[in-house]
């Protein structure tokens, strides 16, 4: 089970747009760099927890965008 965290909507949107421009491998690396350099771990959280959660939210955001495009 993936732990859930609150992220700034701009952060999720930034990584979503980055994925659309550069692909999932690039955005995964950038998310990992972000988590390592810019996030503070609290209460037993791990870098892996934060990485998994933000990547999951980016994937959900992408799926939502793609689903809305197929309706048009």
PDB file of N, CA and C in Angstrom:
ATOM      1  N   UNK A   1       0.847  -1.194   0.000  1.00  0.00           N
ATOM      2  CA  UNK A   1       0.000   0.000   0.000  1.00  0.00           C
ATOM      3  C   UNK A   1       0.885   1.247   0.000  1.00  0.00           C
ATOM      4  N   UNK A   2       0.578   2.171  -0.880  1.00  0.00           N
ATOM      5  CA  UNK A   2       1.337   3.402  -0.988  1.00  0.00           C
ATOM      6  C   UNK A   2       0.823   4.394   0.053  1.00  0.00           C
ATOM      7  N   UNK A   3       1.749   4.958   0.817  1.00  0.00           N
ATOM      8  CA  UNK A   3       1.375   6.011   1.759  1.00  0.00           C
ATOM      9  C   UNK A   3       0.959   7.237   0.969  1.00  0.00           C
ATOM     10  N   UNK A   4      -0.004   7.977   1.503  1.00  0.00           N
ATOM     11  CA  UNK A   4      -0.527   9.171   0.843  1.00  0.00           C
ATOM     12  C   UNK A   4       0.033  10.425   1.500  1.00  0.00           C
ATOM     13  N   UNK A   5       0.440  11.383   0.685  1.00  0.00           N
ATOM     14  CA  UNK A   5       0.966  12.654   1.169  1.00  0.00           C
ATOM     15  C   UNK A   5       0.259  13.793   0.449  1.00  0.00           C
ATOM     16  N   UNK A   6       0.293  14.952   1.059  1.00  0.00           N
ATOM     17  CA  UNK A   6      -0.277  16.148   0.436  1.00  0.00           C
ATOM     18  C   UNK A   6       0.829  16.845  -0.345  1.00  0.00           C
ATOM     19  N   UNK A   7       0.550  17.142  -1.599  1.00  0.00           N
ATOM     20  CA  UNK A   7       1.498  17.840  -2.455  1.00  0.00           C
ATOM     21  C   UNK A   7       0.860  19.103  -2.983  1.00  0.00           C
ATOM     22  N   UNK A   8       1.672  20.117  -3.187  1.00  0.00           N
ATOM     23  CA  UNK A   8       1.228  21.342  -3.817  1.00  0.00           C
ATOM     24  C   UNK A   8       0.777  20.985  -5.236  1.00  0.00           C
ATOM     25  N   UNK A   9      -0.370  21.463  -5.626  1.00  0.00           N
ATOM     26  CA  UNK A   9      -0.911  21.166  -6.955  1.00  0.00           C
ATOM     27  C   UNK A   9       0.049  21.612  -8.062  1.00  0.00           C
ATOM     28  N   UNK A  10       0.751  22.724  -7.845  1.00  0.00           N
ATOM     29  CA  UNK A  10       1.720  23.198  -8.836  1.00  0.00           C
ATOM     30  C   UNK A  10       2.858  22.196  -9.024  1.00  0.00           C
ATOM     31  N   UNK A  11       3.251  21.520  -7.953  1.00  0.00           N
ATOM     32  CA  UNK A  11       4.313  20.515  -8.035  1.00  0.00           C
ATOM     33  C   UNK A  11       3.875  19.350  -8.907  1.00  0.00           C
ATOM     34  N   UNK A  12       2.666  18.855  -8.664  1.00  0.00           N
ATOM     35  CA  UNK A  12       2.140  17.746  -9.470  1.00  0.00           C
ATOM     36  C   UNK A  12       2.009  18.166 -10.925  1.00  0.00           C
ATOM     37  N   UNK A  13       1.496  19.355 -11.161  1.00  0.00           N
ATOM     38  CA  UNK A  13       1.333  19.844 -12.533  1.00  0.00           C
ATOM     39  C   UNK A  13       2.676  20.028 -13.228  1.00  0.00           C
ATOM     40  N   UNK A  14       3.679  20.500 -12.498  1.00  0.00           N
ATOM     41  CA  UNK A  14       5.015  20.668 -13.065  1.00  0.00           C
ATOM     42  C   UNK A  14       5.553  19.323 -13.566  1.00  0.00           C
ATOM     43  N   UNK A  15       5.482  18.311 -12.716  1.00  0.00           N
ATOM     44  CA  UNK A  15       6.001  17.003 -13.108  1.00  0.00           C
ATOM     45  C   UNK A  15       5.149  16.350 -14.190  1.00  0.00           C
ATOM     46  N   UNK A  16       3.863  16.628 -14.208  1.00  0.00           N
ATOM     47  CA  UNK A  16       2.990  16.118 -15.269  1.00  0.00           C
ATOM     48  C   UNK A  16       3.405  16.706 -16.617  1.00  0.00           C
ATOM     49  N   UNK A  17       3.592  18.007 -16.655  1.00  0.00           N
ATOM     50  CA  UNK A  17       4.002  18.662 -17.897  1.00  0.00           C
ATOM     51  C   UNK A  17       5.403  18.214 -18.312  1.00  0.00           C
ATOM     52  N   UNK A  18       6.276  18.029 -17.349  1.00  0.00           N
ATOM     53  CA  UNK A  18       7.627  17.556 -17.641  1.00  0.00           C
ATOM     54  C   UNK A  18       7.581  16.165 -18.274  1.00  0.00           C
ATOM     55  N   UNK A  19       6.703  15.308 -17.789  1.00  0.00           N
ATOM     56  CA  UNK A  19       6.564  13.966 -18.359  1.00  0.00           C
ATOM     57  C   UNK A  19       6.068  14.044 -19.797  1.00  0.00           C
ATOM     58  N   UNK A  20       5.121  14.927 -20.043  1.00  0.00           N
ATOM     59  CA  UNK A  20       4.587  15.058 -21.396  1.00  0.00           C
ATOM     60  C   UNK A  20       5.664  15.520 -22.378  1.00  0.00           C
ATOM     61  N   UNK A  21       6.609  16.318 -21.910  1.00  0.00           N
ATOM     62  CA  UNK A  21       7.683  16.825 -22.763  1.00  0.00           C
ATOM     63  C   UNK A  21       8.853  15.859 -22.898  1.00  0.00           C
ATOM     64  N   UNK A  22       9.170  15.115 -21.815  1.00  0.00           N
ATOM     65  CA  UNK A  22      10.422  14.361 -21.767  1.00  0.00           C
ATOM     66  C   UNK A  22      10.287  12.874 -21.482  1.00  0.00           C
ATOM     67  N   UNK A  23       9.110  12.388 -21.168  1.00  0.00           N
ATOM     68  CA  UNK A  23       8.912  10.970 -20.906  1.00  0.00           C
ATOM     69  C   UNK A  23       9.070  10.591 -19.439  1.00  0.00           C
ATOM     70  N   UNK A  24       8.632   9.389 -19.132  1.00  0.00           N
ATOM     71  CA  UNK A  24       8.551   8.938 -17.740  1.00  0.00           C
ATOM     72  C   UNK A  24       9.931   8.703 -17.122  1.00  0.00           C
ATOM     73  N   UNK A  25      10.899   8.248 -17.905  1.00  0.00           N
ATOM     74  CA  UNK A  25      12.234   8.001 -17.341  1.00  0.00           C
ATOM     75  C   UNK A  25      12.846   9.310 -16.842  1.00  0.00           C
ATOM     76  N   UNK A  26      12.734  10.354 -17.636  1.00  0.00           N
ATOM     77  CA  UNK A  26      13.284  11.653 -17.247  1.00  0.00           C
ATOM     78  C   UNK A  26      12.562  12.209 -16.020  1.00  0.00           C
ATOM     79  N   UNK A  27      11.235  12.152 -16.043  1.00  0.00           N
ATOM     80  CA  UNK A  27      10.484  12.723 -14.923  1.00  0.00           C
ATOM     81  C   UNK A  27      10.710  11.916 -13.647  1.00  0.00           C
ATOM     82  N   UNK A  28      10.897  10.615 -13.756  1.00  0.00           N
ATOM     83  CA  UNK A  28      11.189   9.802 -12.573  1.00  0.00           C
ATOM     84  C   UNK A  28      12.496  10.243 -11.928  1.00  0.00           C
ATOM     85  N   UNK A  29      13.492  10.487 -12.749  1.00  0.00           N
ATOM     86  CA  UNK A  29      14.780  10.967 -12.230  1.00  0.00           C
ATOM     87  C   UNK A  29      14.619  12.328 -11.558  1.00  0.00           C
ATOM     88  N   UNK A  30      13.869  13.216 -12.178  1.00  0.00           N
ATOM     89  CA  UNK A  30      13.662  14.558 -11.613  1.00  0.00           C
ATOM     90  C   UNK A  30      12.859  14.505 -10.324  1.00  0.00           C
ATOM     91  N   UNK A  31      11.873  13.620 -10.242  1.00  0.00           N
ATOM     92  CA  UNK A  31      11.106  13.461  -8.998  1.00  0.00           C
ATOM     93  C   UNK A  31      12.025  12.965  -7.897  1.00  0.00           C
ATOM     94  N   UNK A  32      12.865  11.991  -8.194  1.00  0.00           N
ATOM     95  CA  UNK A  32      13.791  11.473  -7.188  1.00  0.00           C
ATOM     96  C   UNK A  32      14.728  12.580  -6.706  1.00  0.00           C
ATOM     97  N   UNK A  33      15.272  13.366  -7.623  1.00  0.00           N
ATOM     98  CA  UNK A  33      16.131  14.489  -7.236  1.00  0.00           C
ATOM     99  C   UNK A  33      15.374  15.469  -6.348  1.00  0.00           C
ATOM    100  N   UNK A  34      14.114  15.762  -6.701  1.00  0.00           N
ATOM    101  CA  UNK A  34      13.282  16.672  -5.915  1.00  0.00           C
ATOM    102  C   UNK A  34      13.076  16.139  -4.500  1.00  0.00           C
ATOM    103  N   UNK A  35      12.721  14.878  -4.399  1.00  0.00           N
ATOM    104  CA  UNK A  35      12.465  14.279  -3.083  1.00  0.00           C
ATOM    105  C   UNK A  35      13.738  14.291  -2.230  1.00  0.00           C
ATOM    106  N   UNK A  36      14.868  13.932  -2.823  1.00  0.00           N
ATOM    107  CA  UNK A  36      16.126  13.892  -2.072  1.00  0.00           C
ATOM    108  C   UNK A  36      16.556  15.287  -1.634  1.00  0.00           C
ATOM    109  N   UNK A  37      16.448  16.257  -2.528  1.00  0.00           N
ATOM    110  CA  UNK A  37      17.007  17.590  -2.257  1.00  0.00           C
ATOM    111  C   UNK A  37      16.053  18.591  -1.625  1.00  0.00           C
ATOM    112  N   UNK A  38      14.752  18.421  -1.824  1.00  0.00           N
ATOM    113  CA  UNK A  38      13.815  19.470  -1.414  1.00  0.00           C
ATOM    114  C   UNK A  38      12.761  19.053  -0.400  1.00  0.00           C
ATOM    115  N   UNK A  39      12.697  17.783  -0.071  1.00  0.00           N
ATOM    116  CA  UNK A  39      11.665  17.312   0.861  1.00  0.00           C
ATOM    117  C   UNK A  39      12.301  16.926   2.196  1.00  0.00           C
ATOM    118  N   UNK A  40      11.568  17.184   3.262  1.00  0.00           N
ATOM    119  CA  UNK A  40      11.997  16.788   4.598  1.00  0.00           C
ATOM    120  C   UNK A  40      11.204  15.559   5.022  1.00  0.00           C
ATOM    121  N   UNK A  41      11.909  14.527   5.441  1.00  0.00           N
ATOM    122  CA  UNK A  41      11.254  13.306   5.909  1.00  0.00           C
ATOM    123  C   UNK A  41      10.762  13.500   7.336  1.00  0.00           C
ATOM    124  N   UNK A  42       9.573  12.980   7.616  1.00  0.00           N
ATOM    125  CA  UNK A  42       8.975  13.086   8.947  1.00  0.00           C
ATOM    126  C   UNK A  42       8.365  11.749   9.336  1.00  0.00           C
ATOM    127  N   UNK A  43       8.320  11.474  10.615  1.00  0.00           N
ATOM    128  CA  UNK A  43       7.563  10.341  11.184  1.00  0.00           C
ATOM    129  C   UNK A  43       7.750   9.023  10.437  1.00  0.00           C
ATOM    130  N   UNK A  44       8.988   8.609  10.223  1.00  0.00           N
ATOM    131  CA  UNK A  44       9.252   7.316   9.610  1.00  0.00           C
ATOM    132  C   UNK A  44       9.071   7.259   8.109  1.00  0.00           C
ATOM    133  N   UNK A  45       8.852   8.409   7.472  1.00  0.00           N
ATOM    134  CA  UNK A  45       8.736   8.433   6.019  1.00  0.00           C
ATOM    135  C   UNK A  45      10.089   8.098   5.402  1.00  0.00           C
ATOM    136  N   UNK A  46      10.051   7.549   4.206  1.00  0.00           N
ATOM    137  CA  UNK A  46      11.279   7.269   3.474  1.00  0.00           C
ATOM    138  C   UNK A  46      11.250   8.013   2.143  1.00  0.00           C
ATOM    139  N   UNK A  47      12.409   8.147   1.546  1.00  0.00           N
ATOM    140  CA  UNK A  47      12.496   8.743   0.216  1.00  0.00           C
ATOM    141  C   UNK A  47      11.634   7.942  -0.749  1.00  0.00           C
ATOM    142  N   UNK A  48      11.658   6.620  -0.605  1.00  0.00           N
ATOM    143  CA  UNK A  48      10.863   5.755  -1.480  1.00  0.00           C
ATOM    144  C   UNK A  48       9.368   6.035  -1.322  1.00  0.00           C
ATOM    145  N   UNK A  49       8.904   6.256  -0.076  1.00  0.00           N
ATOM    146  CA  UNK A  49       7.491   6.575   0.154  1.00  0.00           C
ATOM    147  C   UNK A  49       7.084   7.831  -0.613  1.00  0.00           C
ATOM    148  N   UNK A  50       7.883   8.885  -0.467  1.00  0.00           N
ATOM    149  CA  UNK A  50       7.560  10.149  -1.117  1.00  0.00           C
ATOM    150  C   UNK A  50       7.632  10.020  -2.639  1.00  0.00           C
ATOM    151  N   UNK A  51       8.677   9.359  -3.121  1.00  0.00           N
ATOM    152  CA  UNK A  51       8.847   9.148  -4.566  1.00  0.00           C
ATOM    153  C   UNK A  51       7.651   8.393  -5.141  1.00  0.00           C
ATOM    154  N   UNK A  52       7.280   7.283  -4.514  1.00  0.00           N
ATOM    155  CA  UNK A  52       6.156   6.477  -5.006  1.00  0.00           C
ATOM    156  C   UNK A  52       4.866   7.280  -5.046  1.00  0.00           C
ATOM    157  N   UNK A  53       4.625   8.069  -4.002  1.00  0.00           N
ATOM    158  CA  UNK A  53       3.373   8.807  -3.927  1.00  0.00           C
ATOM    159  C   UNK A  53       3.295   9.892  -4.988  1.00  0.00           C
ATOM    160  N   UNK A  54       4.357  10.666  -5.135  1.00  0.00           N
ATOM    161  CA  UNK A  54       4.288  11.746  -6.117  1.00  0.00           C
ATOM    162  C   UNK A  54       4.238  11.186  -7.540  1.00  0.00           C
ATOM    163  N   UNK A  55       4.976  10.119  -7.820  1.00  0.00           N
ATOM    164  CA  UNK A  55       4.915   9.503  -9.142  1.00  0.00           C
ATOM    165  C   UNK A  55       3.512   8.963  -9.420  1.00  0.00           C
ATOM    166  N   UNK A  56       2.899   8.360  -8.423  1.00  0.00           N
ATOM    167  CA  UNK A  56       1.525   7.863  -8.564  1.00  0.00           C
ATOM    168  C   UNK A  56       0.557   9.003  -8.873  1.00  0.00           C
ATOM    169  N   UNK A  57       0.705  10.120  -8.181  1.00  0.00           N
ATOM    170  CA  UNK A  57      -0.180  11.261  -8.414  1.00  0.00           C
ATOM    171  C   UNK A  57       0.035  11.861  -9.804  1.00  0.00           C
ATOM    172  N   UNK A  58       1.273  11.884 -10.271  1.00  0.00           N
ATOM    173  CA  UNK A  58       1.557  12.361 -11.628  1.00  0.00           C
ATOM    174  C   UNK A  58       0.909  11.423 -12.647  1.00  0.00           C
ATOM    175  N   UNK A  59       1.016  10.121 -12.433  1.00  0.00           N
ATOM    176  CA  UNK A  59       0.403   9.157 -13.352  1.00  0.00           C
ATOM    177  C   UNK A  59      -1.113   9.303 -13.378  1.00  0.00           C
ATOM    178  N   UNK A  60      -1.722   9.519 -12.228  1.00  0.00           N
ATOM    179  CA  UNK A  60      -3.176   9.741 -12.164  1.00  0.00           C
ATOM    180  C   UNK A  60      -3.542  11.016 -12.915  1.00  0.00           C
ATOM    181  N   UNK A  61      -2.749  12.061 -12.709  1.00  0.00           N
ATOM    182  CA  UNK A  61      -2.986  13.328 -13.396  1.00  0.00           C
ATOM    183  C   UNK A  61      -2.885  13.154 -14.910  1.00  0.00           C
ATOM    184  N   UNK A  62      -1.883  12.407 -15.365  1.00  0.00           N
ATOM    185  CA  UNK A  62      -1.729  12.138 -16.795  1.00  0.00           C
ATOM    186  C   UNK A  62      -2.904  11.340 -17.342  1.00  0.00           C
ATOM    187  N   UNK A  63      -3.317  10.318 -16.610  1.00  0.00           N
ATOM    188  CA  UNK A  63      -4.440   9.493 -17.052  1.00  0.00           C
ATOM    189  C   UNK A  63      -5.713  10.321 -17.163  1.00  0.00           C
ATOM    190  N   UNK A  64      -5.921  11.213 -16.211  1.00  0.00           N
ATOM    191  CA  UNK A  64      -7.088  12.092 -16.243  1.00  0.00           C
ATOM    192  C   UNK A  64      -7.046  12.981 -17.478  1.00  0.00           C
ATOM    193  N   UNK A  65      -5.865  13.529 -17.781  1.00  0.00           N
ATOM    194  CA  UNK A  65      -5.726  14.378 -18.963  1.00  0.00           C
ATOM    195  C   UNK A  65      -5.983  13.580 -20.238  1.00  0.00           C
ATOM    196  N   UNK A  66      -5.414  12.378 -20.338  1.00  0.00           N
ATOM    197  CA  UNK A  66      -5.599  11.557 -21.524  1.00  0.00           C
ATOM    198  C   UNK A  66      -7.051  11.114 -21.677  1.00  0.00           C
ATOM    199  N   UNK A  67      -7.695  10.790 -20.562  1.00  0.00           N
ATOM    200  CA  UNK A  67      -9.106  10.393 -20.619  1.00  0.00           C
ATOM    201  C   UNK A  67      -9.962  11.564 -21.109  1.00  0.00           C
ATOM    202  N   UNK A  68      -9.674  12.764 -20.667  1.00  0.00           N
ATOM    203  CA  UNK A  68     -10.473  13.921 -21.086  1.00  0.00           C
ATOM    204  C   UNK A  68     -10.237  14.232 -22.559  1.00  0.00           C
ATOM    205  N   UNK A  69      -9.046  13.929 -23.074  1.00  0.00           N
ATOM    206  CA  UNK A  69      -8.783  14.155 -24.492  1.00  0.00           C
ATOM    207  C   UNK A  69      -9.522  13.162 -25.378  1.00  0.00           C
ATOM    208  N   UNK A  70      -9.715  11.954 -24.893  1.00  0.00           N
ATOM    209  CA  UNK A  70     -10.407  10.942 -25.709  1.00  0.00           C
ATOM    210  C   UNK A  70     -11.909  11.214 -25.796  1.00  0.00           C
ATOM    211  N   UNK A  71     -12.410  12.055 -24.908  1.00  0.00           N
ATOM    212  CA  UNK A  71     -13.835  12.423 -24.935  1.00  0.00           C
ATOM    213  C   UNK A  71     -14.099  13.419 -26.043  1.00  0.00           C
ATOM    214  N   UNK A  72     -13.109  14.240 -26.342  1.00  0.00           N
ATOM    215  CA  UNK A  72     -13.276  15.331 -27.327  1.00  0.00           C
ATOM    216  C   UNK A  72     -13.375  14.775 -28.724  1.00  0.00           C
TER     217      UNK A  72
END
